[in-house]
Amino acid sequence: MPEAEITFERTIPILRIFDVAKTREFYLDFLGFSVTMEHRFEPDLPLYMGVERAGLELHLSEHHGDACPGSTVFVWMRGVRAYHAELTAKRYNYGRPGLQALPWGDQIEVHDPFGNRIRFCETSDR
């Protein structure tokens, strides 16, 4: 029997959240993501939410065992300068990310209200 080909389809990081209102303010209003799904086993139990923007999907979870606060996600992208201008124009009260020129590309880093970081980076050779 021939060996099956192994392929990985995509990665969806899971980030820990603690407050739904702050989550919506940061991920939807500031970063510009849209909700793709929300799930609770019962109305008063923790939220598990999917968000997406331009092909990047993140899962955000209030569940204790799903992820640790303080995680970092690195995202290769195109249009980082335009994204930086968009975020800066929003004048978000809790963070105004800078644009860094690093040896591997231009990068912005955002910090969510729960200690998680997302690094958006564009390099000329991608």
PDB file of N, CA and C in Angstrom:
ATOM      1  N   MET A   1       0.848  -1.185   0.000  1.00  0.00           N
ATOM      2  CA  MET A   1       0.000   0.000   0.000  1.00  0.00           C
ATOM      3  C   MET A   1       0.891   1.245   0.000  1.00  0.00           C
ATOM      4  N   PRO A   2       0.675   2.187  -0.931  1.00  0.00           N
ATOM      5  CA  PRO A   2       1.514   3.388  -0.995  1.00  0.00           C
ATOM      6  C   PRO A   2       1.271   4.302   0.214  1.00  0.00           C
ATOM      7  N   GLU A   3       2.339   5.016   0.576  1.00  0.00           N
ATOM      8  CA  GLU A   3       2.214   5.954   1.701  1.00  0.00           C
ATOM      9  C   GLU A   3       1.342   7.137   1.295  1.00  0.00           C
ATOM     10  N   ALA A   4       0.537   7.573   2.216  1.00  0.00           N
ATOM     11  CA  ALA A   4      -0.310   8.744   1.965  1.00  0.00           C
ATOM     12  C   ALA A   4       0.548  10.002   1.996  1.00  0.00           C
ATOM     13  N   GLU A   5       0.215  10.938   1.133  1.00  0.00           N
ATOM     14  CA  GLU A   5       0.907  12.222   1.133  1.00  0.00           C
ATOM     15  C   GLU A   5       0.413  13.036   2.326  1.00  0.00           C
ATOM     16  N   ILE A   6       1.345  13.636   3.029  1.00  0.00           N
ATOM     17  CA  ILE A   6       0.984  14.470   4.171  1.00  0.00           C
ATOM     18  C   ILE A   6       1.012  15.918   3.727  1.00  0.00           C
ATOM     19  N   THR A   7      -0.104  16.613   3.935  1.00  0.00           N
ATOM     20  CA  THR A   7      -0.174  18.039   3.658  1.00  0.00           C
ATOM     21  C   THR A   7      -0.874  18.721   4.826  1.00  0.00           C
ATOM     22  N   PHE A   8      -0.462  19.931   5.092  1.00  0.00           N
ATOM     23  CA  PHE A   8      -1.118  20.745   6.105  1.00  0.00           C
ATOM     24  C   PHE A   8      -1.894  21.826   5.374  1.00  0.00           C
ATOM     25  N   GLU A   9      -3.150  21.983   5.710  1.00  0.00           N
ATOM     26  CA  GLU A   9      -4.025  22.906   4.993  1.00  0.00           C
ATOM     27  C   GLU A   9      -3.847  24.355   5.417  1.00  0.00           C
ATOM     28  N   ARG A  10      -3.908  24.619   6.711  1.00  0.00           N
ATOM     29  CA  ARG A  10      -3.743  25.982   7.230  1.00  0.00           C
ATOM     30  C   ARG A  10      -3.587  25.921   8.738  1.00  0.00           C
ATOM     31  N   THR A  11      -3.180  27.014   9.306  1.00  0.00           N
ATOM     32  CA  THR A  11      -3.016  27.124  10.750  1.00  0.00           C
ATOM     33  C   THR A  11      -4.002  28.158  11.270  1.00  0.00           C
ATOM     34  N   ILE A  12      -4.651  27.840  12.380  1.00  0.00           N
ATOM     35  CA  ILE A  12      -5.553  28.797  13.021  1.00  0.00           C
ATOM     36  C   ILE A  12      -5.107  28.933  14.474  1.00  0.00           C
ATOM     37  N   PRO A  13      -4.387  30.004  14.792  1.00  0.00           N
ATOM     38  CA  PRO A  13      -3.979  30.203  16.183  1.00  0.00           C
ATOM     39  C   PRO A  13      -5.186  30.408  17.092  1.00  0.00           C
ATOM     40  N   ILE A  14      -5.082  29.902  18.308  1.00  0.00           N
ATOM     41  CA  ILE A  14      -6.104  30.116  19.332  1.00  0.00           C
ATOM     42  C   ILE A  14      -5.489  31.013  20.397  1.00  0.00           C
ATOM     43  N   LEU A  15      -6.151  32.121  20.679  1.00  0.00           N
ATOM     44  CA  LEU A  15      -5.679  33.074  21.685  1.00  0.00           C
ATOM     45  C   LEU A  15      -6.674  33.133  22.834  1.00  0.00           C
ATOM     46  N   ARG A  16      -6.164  33.238  24.033  1.00  0.00           N
ATOM     47  CA  ARG A  16      -7.012  33.305  25.239  1.00  0.00           C
ATOM     48  C   ARG A  16      -7.548  34.708  25.423  1.00  0.00           C
ATOM     49  N   ILE A  17      -8.824  34.809  25.740  1.00  0.00           N
ATOM     50  CA  ILE A  17      -9.485  36.082  26.026  1.00  0.00           C
ATOM     51  C   ILE A  17     -10.197  35.963  27.367  1.00  0.00           C
ATOM     52  N   PHE A  18     -10.516  37.122  27.957  1.00  0.00           N
ATOM     53  CA  PHE A  18     -11.179  37.129  29.263  1.00  0.00           C
ATOM     54  C   PHE A  18     -12.412  38.014  29.319  1.00  0.00           C
ATOM     55  N   ASP A  19     -12.620  38.856  28.320  1.00  0.00           N
ATOM     56  CA  ASP A  19     -13.713  39.829  28.358  1.00  0.00           C
ATOM     57  C   ASP A  19     -14.220  40.007  26.932  1.00  0.00           C
ATOM     58  N   VAL A  20     -15.482  39.673  26.700  1.00  0.00           N
ATOM     59  CA  VAL A  20     -16.032  39.697  25.346  1.00  0.00           C
ATOM     60  C   VAL A  20     -16.101  41.114  24.789  1.00  0.00           C
ATOM     61  N   ALA A  21     -16.516  42.087  25.596  1.00  0.00           N
ATOM     62  CA  ALA A  21     -16.605  43.464  25.111  1.00  0.00           C
ATOM     63  C   ALA A  21     -15.236  43.989  24.686  1.00  0.00           C
ATOM     64  N   LYS A  22     -14.218  43.753  25.490  1.00  0.00           N
ATOM     65  CA  LYS A  22     -12.858  44.196  25.140  1.00  0.00           C
ATOM     66  C   LYS A  22     -12.340  43.452  23.909  1.00  0.00           C
ATOM     67  N   THR A  23     -12.715  42.177  23.789  1.00  0.00           N
ATOM     68  CA  THR A  23     -12.330  41.388  22.621  1.00  0.00           C
ATOM     69  C   THR A  23     -12.910  41.995  21.356  1.00  0.00           C
ATOM     70  N   ARG A  24     -14.195  42.300  21.400  1.00  0.00           N
ATOM     71  CA  ARG A  24     -14.847  42.889  20.224  1.00  0.00           C
ATOM     72  C   ARG A  24     -14.242  44.250  19.892  1.00  0.00           C
ATOM     73  N   GLU A  25     -13.993  45.074  20.893  1.00  0.00           N
ATOM     74  CA  GLU A  25     -13.403  46.392  20.657  1.00  0.00           C
ATOM     75  C   GLU A  25     -12.050  46.262  19.964  1.00  0.00           C
ATOM     76  N   PHE A  26     -11.215  45.336  20.425  1.00  0.00           N
ATOM     77  CA  PHE A  26      -9.868  45.199  19.869  1.00  0.00           C
ATOM     78  C   PHE A  26      -9.875  44.509  18.500  1.00  0.00           C
ATOM     79  N   TYR A  27     -10.430  43.296  18.440  1.00  0.00           N
ATOM     80  CA  TYR A  27     -10.323  42.507  17.221  1.00  0.00           C
ATOM     81  C   TYR A  27     -11.248  42.974  16.101  1.00  0.00           C
ATOM     82  N   LEU A  28     -12.440  43.442  16.432  1.00  0.00           N
ATOM     83  CA  LEU A  28     -13.378  43.879  15.402  1.00  0.00           C
ATOM     84  C   LEU A  28     -13.216  45.356  15.081  1.00  0.00           C
ATOM     85  N   ASP A  29     -13.356  46.198  16.104  1.00  0.00           N
ATOM     86  CA  ASP A  29     -13.319  47.642  15.866  1.00  0.00           C
ATOM     87  C   ASP A  29     -11.926  48.143  15.487  1.00  0.00           C
ATOM     88  N   PHE A  30     -10.898  47.712  16.210  1.00  0.00           N
ATOM     89  CA  PHE A  30      -9.546  48.212  15.952  1.00  0.00           C
ATOM     90  C   PHE A  30      -8.869  47.460  14.802  1.00  0.00           C
ATOM     91  N   LEU A  31      -8.736  46.144  14.889  1.00  0.00           N
ATOM     92  CA  LEU A  31      -8.014  45.401  13.866  1.00  0.00           C
ATOM     93  C   LEU A  31      -8.825  45.162  12.591  1.00  0.00           C
ATOM     94  N   GLY A  32     -10.146  45.312  12.671  1.00  0.00           N
ATOM     95  CA  GLY A  32     -10.975  45.194  11.474  1.00  0.00           C
ATOM     96  C   GLY A  32     -11.358  43.782  11.078  1.00  0.00           C
ATOM     97  N   PHE A  33     -11.296  42.843  12.007  1.00  0.00           N
ATOM     98  CA  PHE A  33     -11.718  41.471  11.735  1.00  0.00           C
ATOM     99  C   PHE A  33     -13.238  41.376  11.783  1.00  0.00           C
ATOM    100  N   SER A  34     -13.771  40.303  11.214  1.00  0.00           N
ATOM    101  CA  SER A  34     -15.207  40.001  11.266  1.00  0.00           C
ATOM    102  C   SER A  34     -15.399  38.669  11.966  1.00  0.00           C
ATOM    103  N   VAL A  35     -16.498  38.546  12.673  1.00  0.00           N
ATOM    104  CA  VAL A  35     -16.822  37.294  13.370  1.00  0.00           C
ATOM    105  C   VAL A  35     -17.270  36.260  12.345  1.00  0.00           C
ATOM    106  N   THR A  36     -16.669  35.058  12.409  1.00  0.00           N
ATOM    107  CA  THR A  36     -17.076  33.962  11.529  1.00  0.00           C
ATOM    108  C   THR A  36     -17.926  32.944  12.269  1.00  0.00           C
ATOM    109  N   MET A  37     -17.748  32.858  13.594  1.00  0.00           N
ATOM    110  CA  MET A  37     -18.584  31.948  14.392  1.00  0.00           C
ATOM    111  C   MET A  37     -18.417  32.270  15.863  1.00  0.00           C
ATOM    112  N   GLU A  38     -19.462  31.941  16.621  1.00  0.00           N
ATOM    113  CA  GLU A  38     -19.444  32.054  18.083  1.00  0.00           C
ATOM    114  C   GLU A  38     -20.086  30.796  18.647  1.00  0.00           C
ATOM    115  N   HIS A  39     -19.506  30.277  19.723  1.00  0.00           N
ATOM    116  CA  HIS A  39     -20.074  29.077  20.335  1.00  0.00           C
ATOM    117  C   HIS A  39     -19.953  29.149  21.853  1.00  0.00           C
ATOM    118  N   ARG A  40     -21.033  28.785  22.507  1.00  0.00           N
ATOM    119  CA  ARG A  40     -21.071  28.574  23.960  1.00  0.00           C
ATOM    120  C   ARG A  40     -21.857  27.288  24.177  1.00  0.00           C
ATOM    121  N   PHE A  41     -21.394  26.445  25.094  1.00  0.00           N
ATOM    122  CA  PHE A  41     -22.139  25.226  25.382  1.00  0.00           C
ATOM    123  C   PHE A  41     -23.464  25.540  26.050  1.00  0.00           C
ATOM    124  N   GLU A  42     -23.505  26.615  26.837  1.00  0.00           N
ATOM    125  CA  GLU A  42     -24.725  27.153  27.439  1.00  0.00           C
ATOM    126  C   GLU A  42     -24.549  28.658  27.515  1.00  0.00           C
ATOM    127  N   PRO A  43     -25.638  29.430  27.629  1.00  0.00           N
ATOM    128  CA  PRO A  43     -25.534  30.894  27.589  1.00  0.00           C
ATOM    129  C   PRO A  43     -24.560  31.512  28.597  1.00  0.00           C
ATOM    130  N   ASP A  44     -24.387  30.901  29.768  1.00  0.00           N
ATOM    131  CA  ASP A  44     -23.509  31.512  30.776  1.00  0.00           C
ATOM    132  C   ASP A  44     -22.124  30.865  30.826  1.00  0.00           C
ATOM    133  N   LEU A  45     -21.778  30.043  29.830  1.00  0.00           N
ATOM    134  CA  LEU A  45     -20.467  29.410  29.781  1.00  0.00           C
ATOM    135  C   LEU A  45     -19.518  30.185  28.863  1.00  0.00           C
ATOM    136  N   PRO A  46     -18.224  29.888  28.902  1.00  0.00           N
ATOM    137  CA  PRO A  46     -17.234  30.657  28.135  1.00  0.00           C
ATOM    138  C   PRO A  46     -17.502  30.665  26.625  1.00  0.00           C
ATOM    139  N   LEU A  47     -17.074  31.753  26.011  1.00  0.00           N
ATOM    140  CA  LEU A  47     -17.227  31.960  24.571  1.00  0.00           C
ATOM    141  C   LEU A  47     -16.022  31.399  23.817  1.00  0.00           C
ATOM    142  N   TYR A  48     -16.294  30.789  22.670  1.00  0.00           N
ATOM    143  CA  TYR A  48     -15.271  30.409  21.695  1.00  0.00           C
ATOM    144  C   TYR A  48     -15.688  31.091  20.402  1.00  0.00           C
ATOM    145  N   MET A  49     -14.835  31.972  19.864  1.00  0.00           N
ATOM    146  CA  MET A  49     -15.210  32.810  18.730  1.00  0.00           C
ATOM    147  C   MET A  49     -14.149  32.747  17.649  1.00  0.00           C
ATOM    148  N   GLY A  50     -14.578  32.686  16.404  1.00  0.00           N
ATOM    149  CA  GLY A  50     -13.680  32.769  15.265  1.00  0.00           C
ATOM    150  C   GLY A  50     -13.796  34.142  14.639  1.00  0.00           C
ATOM    151  N   VAL A  51     -12.654  34.720  14.257  1.00  0.00           N
ATOM    152  CA  VAL A  51     -12.635  35.994  13.546  1.00  0.00           C
ATOM    153  C   VAL A  51     -11.743  35.838  12.317  1.00  0.00           C
ATOM    154  N   GLU A  52     -11.996  36.670  11.288  1.00  0.00           N
ATOM    155  CA  GLU A  52     -11.261  36.557  10.042  1.00  0.00           C
ATOM    156  C   GLU A  52     -11.111  37.920   9.393  1.00  0.00           C
ATOM    157  N   ARG A  53      -9.964  38.086   8.734  1.00  0.00           N
ATOM    158  CA  ARG A  53      -9.758  39.260   7.893  1.00  0.00           C
ATOM    159  C   ARG A  53      -8.738  38.899   6.823  1.00  0.00           C
ATOM    160  N   ALA A  54      -9.097  39.127   5.586  1.00  0.00           N
ATOM    161  CA  ALA A  54      -8.190  38.991   4.442  1.00  0.00           C
ATOM    162  C   ALA A  54      -7.445  37.662   4.427  1.00  0.00           C
ATOM    163  N   GLY A  55      -8.132  36.589   4.800  1.00  0.00           N
ATOM    164  CA  GLY A  55      -7.526  35.272   4.758  1.00  0.00           C
ATOM    165  C   GLY A  55      -6.887  34.805   6.050  1.00  0.00           C
ATOM    166  N   LEU A  56      -6.757  35.682   7.037  1.00  0.00           N
ATOM    167  CA  LEU A  56      -6.208  35.301   8.338  1.00  0.00           C
ATOM    168  C   LEU A  56      -7.362  34.984   9.280  1.00  0.00           C
ATOM    169  N   GLU A  57      -7.369  33.777   9.814  1.00  0.00           N
ATOM    170  CA  GLU A  57      -8.393  33.377  10.774  1.00  0.00           C
ATOM    171  C   GLU A  57      -7.745  33.161  12.133  1.00  0.00           C
ATOM    172  N   LEU A  58      -8.384  33.689  13.157  1.00  0.00           N
ATOM    173  CA  LEU A  58      -7.963  33.499  14.540  1.00  0.00           C
ATOM    174  C   LEU A  58      -9.146  32.948  15.321  1.00  0.00           C
ATOM    175  N   HIS A  59      -8.853  32.111  16.302  1.00  0.00           N
ATOM    176  CA  HIS A  59      -9.878  31.667  17.233  1.00  0.00           C
ATOM    177  C   HIS A  59      -9.564  32.273  18.590  1.00  0.00           C
ATOM    178  N   LEU A  60     -10.585  32.789  19.244  1.00  0.00           N
ATOM    179  CA  LEU A  60     -10.450  33.490  20.518  1.00  0.00           C
ATOM    180  C   LEU A  60     -11.296  32.747  21.538  1.00  0.00           C
ATOM    181  N   SER A  61     -10.685  32.380  22.654  1.00  0.00           N
ATOM    182  CA  SER A  61     -11.377  31.491  23.576  1.00  0.00           C
ATOM    183  C   SER A  61     -11.286  31.965  25.021  1.00  0.00           C
ATOM    184  N   GLU A  62     -12.447  31.916  25.698  1.00  0.00           N
ATOM    185  CA  GLU A  62     -12.481  32.152  27.136  1.00  0.00           C
ATOM    186  C   GLU A  62     -12.238  30.869  27.919  1.00  0.00           C
ATOM    187  N   HIS A  63     -12.156  29.742  27.234  1.00  0.00           N
ATOM    188  CA  HIS A  63     -11.966  28.451  27.911  1.00  0.00           C
ATOM    189  C   HIS A  63     -10.565  28.345  28.495  1.00  0.00           C
ATOM    190  N   HIS A  64     -10.489  27.959  29.755  1.00  0.00           N
ATOM    191  CA  HIS A  64      -9.236  27.894  30.500  1.00  0.00           C
ATOM    192  C   HIS A  64      -8.160  27.057  29.817  1.00  0.00           C
ATOM    193  N   GLY A  65      -8.488  25.903  29.291  1.00  0.00           N
ATOM    194  CA  GLY A  65      -7.482  24.997  28.751  1.00  0.00           C
ATOM    195  C   GLY A  65      -7.102  25.216  27.301  1.00  0.00           C
ATOM    196  N   ASP A  66      -7.697  26.174  26.619  1.00  0.00           N
ATOM    197  CA  ASP A  66      -7.442  26.332  25.185  1.00  0.00           C
ATOM    198  C   ASP A  66      -6.134  27.038  24.849  1.00  0.00           C
ATOM    199  N   ALA A  67      -5.717  27.973  25.648  1.00  0.00           N
ATOM    200  CA  ALA A  67      -4.508  28.737  25.329  1.00  0.00           C
ATOM    201  C   ALA A  67      -4.053  29.485  26.565  1.00  0.00           C
ATOM    202  N   CYS A  68      -2.811  29.921  26.525  1.00  0.00           N
ATOM    203  CA  CYS A  68      -2.237  30.702  27.630  1.00  0.00           C
ATOM    204  C   CYS A  68      -2.211  32.168  27.245  1.00  0.00           C
ATOM    205  N   PRO A  69      -2.592  33.047  28.145  1.00  0.00           N
ATOM    206  CA  PRO A  69      -2.444  34.475  27.845  1.00  0.00           C
ATOM    207  C   PRO A  69      -0.963  34.790  27.667  1.00  0.00           C
ATOM    208  N   GLY A  70      -0.674  35.781  26.853  1.00  0.00           N
ATOM    209  CA  GLY A  70       0.714  36.171  26.619  1.00  0.00           C
ATOM    210  C   GLY A  70       1.341  35.463  25.432  1.00  0.00           C
ATOM    211  N   SER A  71       0.532  34.885  24.564  1.00  0.00           N
ATOM    212  CA  SER A  71       1.045  34.209  23.374  1.00  0.00           C
ATOM    213  C   SER A  71       1.408  35.226  22.294  1.00  0.00           C
ATOM    214  N   THR A  72       2.236  34.783  21.342  1.00  0.00           N
ATOM    215  CA  THR A  72       2.615  35.620  20.201  1.00  0.00           C
ATOM    216  C   THR A  72       2.309  34.869  18.921  1.00  0.00           C
ATOM    217  N   VAL A  73       1.691  35.563  17.968  1.00  0.00           N
ATOM    218  CA  VAL A  73       1.413  35.017  16.651  1.00  0.00           C
ATOM    219  C   VAL A  73       2.161  35.872  15.635  1.00  0.00           C
ATOM    220  N   PHE A  74       2.895  35.226  14.738  1.00  0.00           N
ATOM    221  CA  PHE A  74       3.625  35.927  13.672  1.00  0.00           C
ATOM    222  C   PHE A  74       2.880  35.692  12.366  1.00  0.00           C
ATOM    223  N   VAL A  75       2.572  36.773  11.640  1.00  0.00           N
ATOM    224  CA  VAL A  75       1.776  36.692  10.419  1.00  0.00           C
ATOM    225  C   VAL A  75       2.522  37.361   9.268  1.00  0.00           C
ATOM    226  N   TRP A  76       2.876  36.572   8.235  1.00  0.00           N
ATOM    227  CA  TRP A  76       3.381  37.161   7.004  1.00  0.00           C
ATOM    228  C   TRP A  76       2.196  37.752   6.260  1.00  0.00           C
ATOM    229  N   MET A  77       2.371  38.939   5.701  1.00  0.00           N
ATOM    230  CA  MET A  77       1.272  39.587   4.996  1.00  0.00           C
ATOM    231  C   MET A  77       1.806  40.498   3.903  1.00  0.00           C
ATOM    232  N   ARG A  78       0.906  41.016   3.123  1.00  0.00           N
ATOM    233  CA  ARG A  78       1.214  42.076   2.154  1.00  0.00           C
ATOM    234  C   ARG A  78       0.373  43.288   2.539  1.00  0.00           C
ATOM    235  N   GLY A  79       0.933  44.463   2.333  1.00  0.00           N
ATOM    236  CA  GLY A  79       0.210  45.691   2.646  1.00  0.00           C
ATOM    237  C   GLY A  79       0.376  46.155   4.081  1.00  0.00           C
ATOM    238  N   VAL A  80       1.497  45.828   4.705  1.00  0.00           N
ATOM    239  CA  VAL A  80       1.687  46.183   6.121  1.00  0.00           C
ATOM    240  C   VAL A  80       1.699  47.695   6.329  1.00  0.00           C
ATOM    241  N   ARG A  81       2.232  48.450   5.378  1.00  0.00           N
ATOM    242  CA  ARG A  81       2.238  49.925   5.521  1.00  0.00           C
ATOM    243  C   ARG A  81       0.808  50.479   5.474  1.00  0.00           C
ATOM    244  N   ALA A  82      -0.005  49.957   4.591  1.00  0.00           N
ATOM    245  CA  ALA A  82      -1.406  50.393   4.523  1.00  0.00           C
ATOM    246  C   ALA A  82      -2.150  50.009   5.799  1.00  0.00           C
ATOM    247  N   TYR A  83      -1.872  48.803   6.320  1.00  0.00           N
ATOM    248  CA  TYR A  83      -2.515  48.364   7.557  1.00  0.00           C
ATOM    249  C   TYR A  83      -2.073  49.247   8.724  1.00  0.00           C
ATOM    250  N   HIS A  84      -0.799  49.579   8.762  1.00  0.00           N
ATOM    251  CA  HIS A  84      -0.303  50.472   9.814  1.00  0.00           C
ATOM    252  C   HIS A  84      -1.008  51.821   9.745  1.00  0.00           C
ATOM    253  N   ALA A  85      -1.148  52.379   8.545  1.00  0.00           N
ATOM    254  CA  ALA A  85      -1.840  53.668   8.383  1.00  0.00           C
ATOM    255  C   ALA A  85      -3.295  53.563   8.842  1.00  0.00           C
ATOM    256  N   GLU A  86      -3.957  52.454   8.504  1.00  0.00           N
ATOM    257  CA  GLU A  86      -5.349  52.248   8.924  1.00  0.00           C
ATOM    258  C   GLU A  86      -5.465  52.200  10.449  1.00  0.00           C
ATOM    259  N   LEU A  87      -4.589  51.433  11.090  1.00  0.00           N
ATOM    260  CA  LEU A  87      -4.641  51.315  12.554  1.00  0.00           C
ATOM    261  C   LEU A  87      -4.302  52.640  13.229  1.00  0.00           C
ATOM    262  N   THR A  88      -3.320  53.337  12.725  1.00  0.00           N
ATOM    263  CA  THR A  88      -2.920  54.625  13.302  1.00  0.00           C
ATOM    264  C   THR A  88      -4.065  55.633  13.206  1.00  0.00           C
ATOM    265  N   ALA A  89      -4.765  55.641  12.095  1.00  0.00           N
ATOM    266  CA  ALA A  89      -5.867  56.586  11.891  1.00  0.00           C
ATOM    267  C   ALA A  89      -7.014  56.362  12.874  1.00  0.00           C
ATOM    268  N   LYS A  90      -7.143  55.165  13.401  1.00  0.00           N
ATOM    269  CA  LYS A  90      -8.223  54.872  14.349  1.00  0.00           C
ATOM    270  C   LYS A  90      -7.970  55.460  15.732  1.00  0.00           C
ATOM    271  N   ARG A  91      -6.738  55.838  16.025  1.00  0.00           N
ATOM    272  CA  ARG A  91      -6.375  56.452  17.302  1.00  0.00           C
ATOM    273  C   ARG A  91      -6.915  55.641  18.488  1.00  0.00           C
ATOM    274  N   TYR A  92      -6.647  54.362  18.458  1.00  0.00           N
ATOM    275  CA  TYR A  92      -7.072  53.430  19.503  1.00  0.00           C
ATOM    276  C   TYR A  92      -6.451  53.848  20.836  1.00  0.00           C
ATOM    277  N   ASN A  93      -7.266  53.965  21.854  1.00  0.00           N
ATOM    278  CA  ASN A  93      -6.809  54.483  23.152  1.00  0.00           C
ATOM    279  C   ASN A  93      -5.783  53.607  23.848  1.00  0.00           C
ATOM    280  N   TYR A  94      -5.759  52.314  23.538  1.00  0.00           N
ATOM    281  CA  TYR A  94      -4.920  51.395  24.307  1.00  0.00           C
ATOM    282  C   TYR A  94      -3.688  50.915  23.561  1.00  0.00           C
ATOM    283  N   GLY A  95      -3.388  51.528  22.435  1.00  0.00           N
ATOM    284  CA  GLY A  95      -2.183  51.138  21.717  1.00  0.00           C
ATOM    285  C   GLY A  95      -2.118  51.773  20.348  1.00  0.00           C
ATOM    286  N   ARG A  96      -0.940  52.254  20.022  1.00  0.00           N
ATOM    287  CA  ARG A  96      -0.684  52.820  18.700  1.00  0.00           C
ATOM    288  C   ARG A  96       0.599  52.186  18.177  1.00  0.00           C
ATOM    289  N   PRO A  97       0.469  51.090  17.465  1.00  0.00           N
ATOM    290  CA  PRO A  97       1.655  50.349  17.047  1.00  0.00           C
ATOM    291  C   PRO A  97       2.521  51.141  16.074  1.00  0.00           C
ATOM    292  N   GLY A  98       3.821  50.973  16.234  1.00  0.00           N
ATOM    293  CA  GLY A  98       4.760  51.575  15.303  1.00  0.00           C
ATOM    294  C   GLY A  98       5.064  50.617  14.169  1.00  0.00           C
ATOM    295  N   LEU A  99       5.735  51.122  13.164  1.00  0.00           N
ATOM    296  CA  LEU A  99       6.181  50.308  12.037  1.00  0.00           C
ATOM    297  C   LEU A  99       7.690  50.195  12.145  1.00  0.00           C
ATOM    298  N   GLN A 100       8.184  48.970  12.277  1.00  0.00           N
ATOM    299  CA  GLN A 100       9.611  48.744  12.431  1.00  0.00           C
ATOM    300  C   GLN A 100      10.194  48.175  11.140  1.00  0.00           C
ATOM    301  N   ALA A 101      11.351  48.696  10.744  1.00  0.00           N
ATOM    302  CA  ALA A 101      12.104  48.124   9.630  1.00  0.00           C
ATOM    303  C   ALA A 101      13.106  47.155  10.238  1.00  0.00           C
ATOM    304  N   LEU A 102      12.865  45.870  10.054  1.00  0.00           N
ATOM    305  CA  LEU A 102      13.708  44.825  10.620  1.00  0.00           C
ATOM    306  C   LEU A 102      14.432  44.080   9.496  1.00  0.00           C
ATOM    307  N   PRO A 103      15.482  43.343   9.804  1.00  0.00           N
ATOM    308  CA  PRO A 103      16.218  42.647   8.737  1.00  0.00           C
ATOM    309  C   PRO A 103      15.345  41.713   7.897  1.00  0.00           C
ATOM    310  N   TRP A 104      14.262  41.175   8.455  1.00  0.00           N
ATOM    311  CA  TRP A 104      13.407  40.238   7.726  1.00  0.00           C
ATOM    312  C   TRP A 104      12.185  40.905   7.116  1.00  0.00           C
ATOM    313  N   GLY A 105      11.957  42.195   7.404  1.00  0.00           N
ATOM    314  CA  GLY A 105      10.825  42.889   6.788  1.00  0.00           C
ATOM    315  C   GLY A 105      10.302  44.013   7.645  1.00  0.00           C
ATOM    316  N   ASP A 106       9.293  44.696   7.138  1.00  0.00           N
ATOM    317  CA  ASP A 106       8.624  45.761   7.882  1.00  0.00           C
ATOM    318  C   ASP A 106       7.542  45.116   8.746  1.00  0.00           C
ATOM    319  N   GLN A 107       7.501  45.510  10.013  1.00  0.00           N
ATOM    320  CA  GLN A 107       6.641  44.810  10.970  1.00  0.00           C
ATOM    321  C   GLN A 107       5.919  45.777  11.896  1.00  0.00           C
ATOM    322  N   ILE A 108       4.651  45.453  12.174  1.00  0.00           N
ATOM    323  CA  ILE A 108       3.919  46.120  13.244  1.00  0.00           C
ATOM    324  C   ILE A 108       3.536  45.048  14.251  1.00  0.00           C
ATOM    325  N   GLU A 109       3.548  45.412  15.520  1.00  0.00           N
ATOM    326  CA  GLU A 109       3.164  44.486  16.580  1.00  0.00           C
ATOM    327  C   GLU A 109       2.048  45.117  17.380  1.00  0.00           C
ATOM    328  N   VAL A 110       0.957  44.375  17.545  1.00  0.00           N
ATOM    329  CA  VAL A 110      -0.166  44.845  18.349  1.00  0.00           C
ATOM    330  C   VAL A 110      -0.296  43.956  19.572  1.00  0.00           C
ATOM    331  N   HIS A 111      -0.806  44.534  20.644  1.00  0.00           N
ATOM    332  CA  HIS A 111      -0.999  43.832  21.909  1.00  0.00           C
ATOM    333  C   HIS A 111      -2.486  43.880  22.245  1.00  0.00           C
ATOM    334  N   ASP A 112      -3.095  42.715  22.410  1.00  0.00           N
ATOM    335  CA  ASP A 112      -4.510  42.707  22.763  1.00  0.00           C
ATOM    336  C   ASP A 112      -4.677  42.953  24.271  1.00  0.00           C
ATOM    337  N   PRO A 113      -5.894  43.154  24.739  1.00  0.00           N
ATOM    338  CA  PRO A 113      -6.115  43.462  26.154  1.00  0.00           C
ATOM    339  C   PRO A 113      -5.756  42.332  27.119  1.00  0.00           C
ATOM    340  N   PHE A 114      -5.372  41.169  26.603  1.00  0.00           N
ATOM    341  CA  PHE A 114      -5.128  39.998  27.451  1.00  0.00           C
ATOM    342  C   PHE A 114      -3.665  39.551  27.428  1.00  0.00           C
ATOM    343  N   GLY A 115      -2.788  40.405  26.897  1.00  0.00           N
ATOM    344  CA  GLY A 115      -1.358  40.109  26.882  1.00  0.00           C
ATOM    345  C   GLY A 115      -0.869  39.364  25.663  1.00  0.00           C
ATOM    346  N   ASN A 116      -1.747  39.065  24.716  1.00  0.00           N
ATOM    347  CA  ASN A 116      -1.328  38.401  23.489  1.00  0.00           C
ATOM    348  C   ASN A 116      -0.765  39.422  22.509  1.00  0.00           C
ATOM    349  N   ARG A 117       0.185  38.969  21.681  1.00  0.00           N
ATOM    350  CA  ARG A 117       0.794  39.832  20.683  1.00  0.00           C
ATOM    351  C   ARG A 117       0.602  39.220  19.294  1.00  0.00           C
ATOM    352  N   ILE A 118       0.349  40.097  18.326  1.00  0.00           N
ATOM    353  CA  ILE A 118       0.318  39.669  16.933  1.00  0.00           C
ATOM    354  C   ILE A 118       1.318  40.532  16.186  1.00  0.00           C
ATOM    355  N   ARG A 119       2.246  39.872  15.490  1.00  0.00           N
ATOM    356  CA  ARG A 119       3.251  40.562  14.681  1.00  0.00           C
ATOM    357  C   ARG A 119       2.887  40.383  13.219  1.00  0.00           C
ATOM    358  N   PHE A 120       2.563  41.499  12.560  1.00  0.00           N
ATOM    359  CA  PHE A 120       2.236  41.500  11.142  1.00  0.00           C
ATOM    360  C   PHE A 120       3.476  41.969  10.397  1.00  0.00           C
ATOM    361  N   CYS A 121       3.964  41.161   9.461  1.00  0.00           N
ATOM    362  CA  CYS A 121       5.235  41.463   8.813  1.00  0.00           C
ATOM    363  C   CYS A 121       5.151  41.269   7.306  1.00  0.00           C
ATOM    364  N   GLU A 122       5.782  42.178   6.592  1.00  0.00           N
ATOM    365  CA  GLU A 122       5.871  42.078   5.139  1.00  0.00           C
ATOM    366  C   GLU A 122       7.335  42.165   4.738  1.00  0.00           C
ATOM    367  N   THR A 123       7.758  41.248   3.913  1.00  0.00           N
ATOM    368  CA  THR A 123       9.118  41.268   3.401  1.00  0.00           C
ATOM    369  C   THR A 123       9.075  41.363   1.883  1.00  0.00           C
ATOM    370  N   SER A 124      10.093  41.929   1.311  1.00  0.00           N
ATOM    371  CA  SER A 124      10.096  42.157  -0.143  1.00  0.00           C
ATOM    372  C   SER A 124      10.220  40.859  -0.939  1.00  0.00           C
ATOM    373  N   ASP A 125      10.721  39.787  -0.327  1.00  0.00           N
ATOM    374  CA  ASP A 125      10.898  38.544  -1.071  1.00  0.00           C
ATOM    375  C   ASP A 125       9.755  37.549  -0.904  1.00  0.00           C
ATOM    376  N   ARG A 126       8.646  37.945  -0.315  1.00  0.00           N
ATOM    377  CA  ARG A 126       7.497  37.035  -0.170  1.00  0.00           C
ATOM    378  C   ARG A 126       6.502  37.296  -1.258  1.00  0.00           C
TER     379      ARG A 126
END
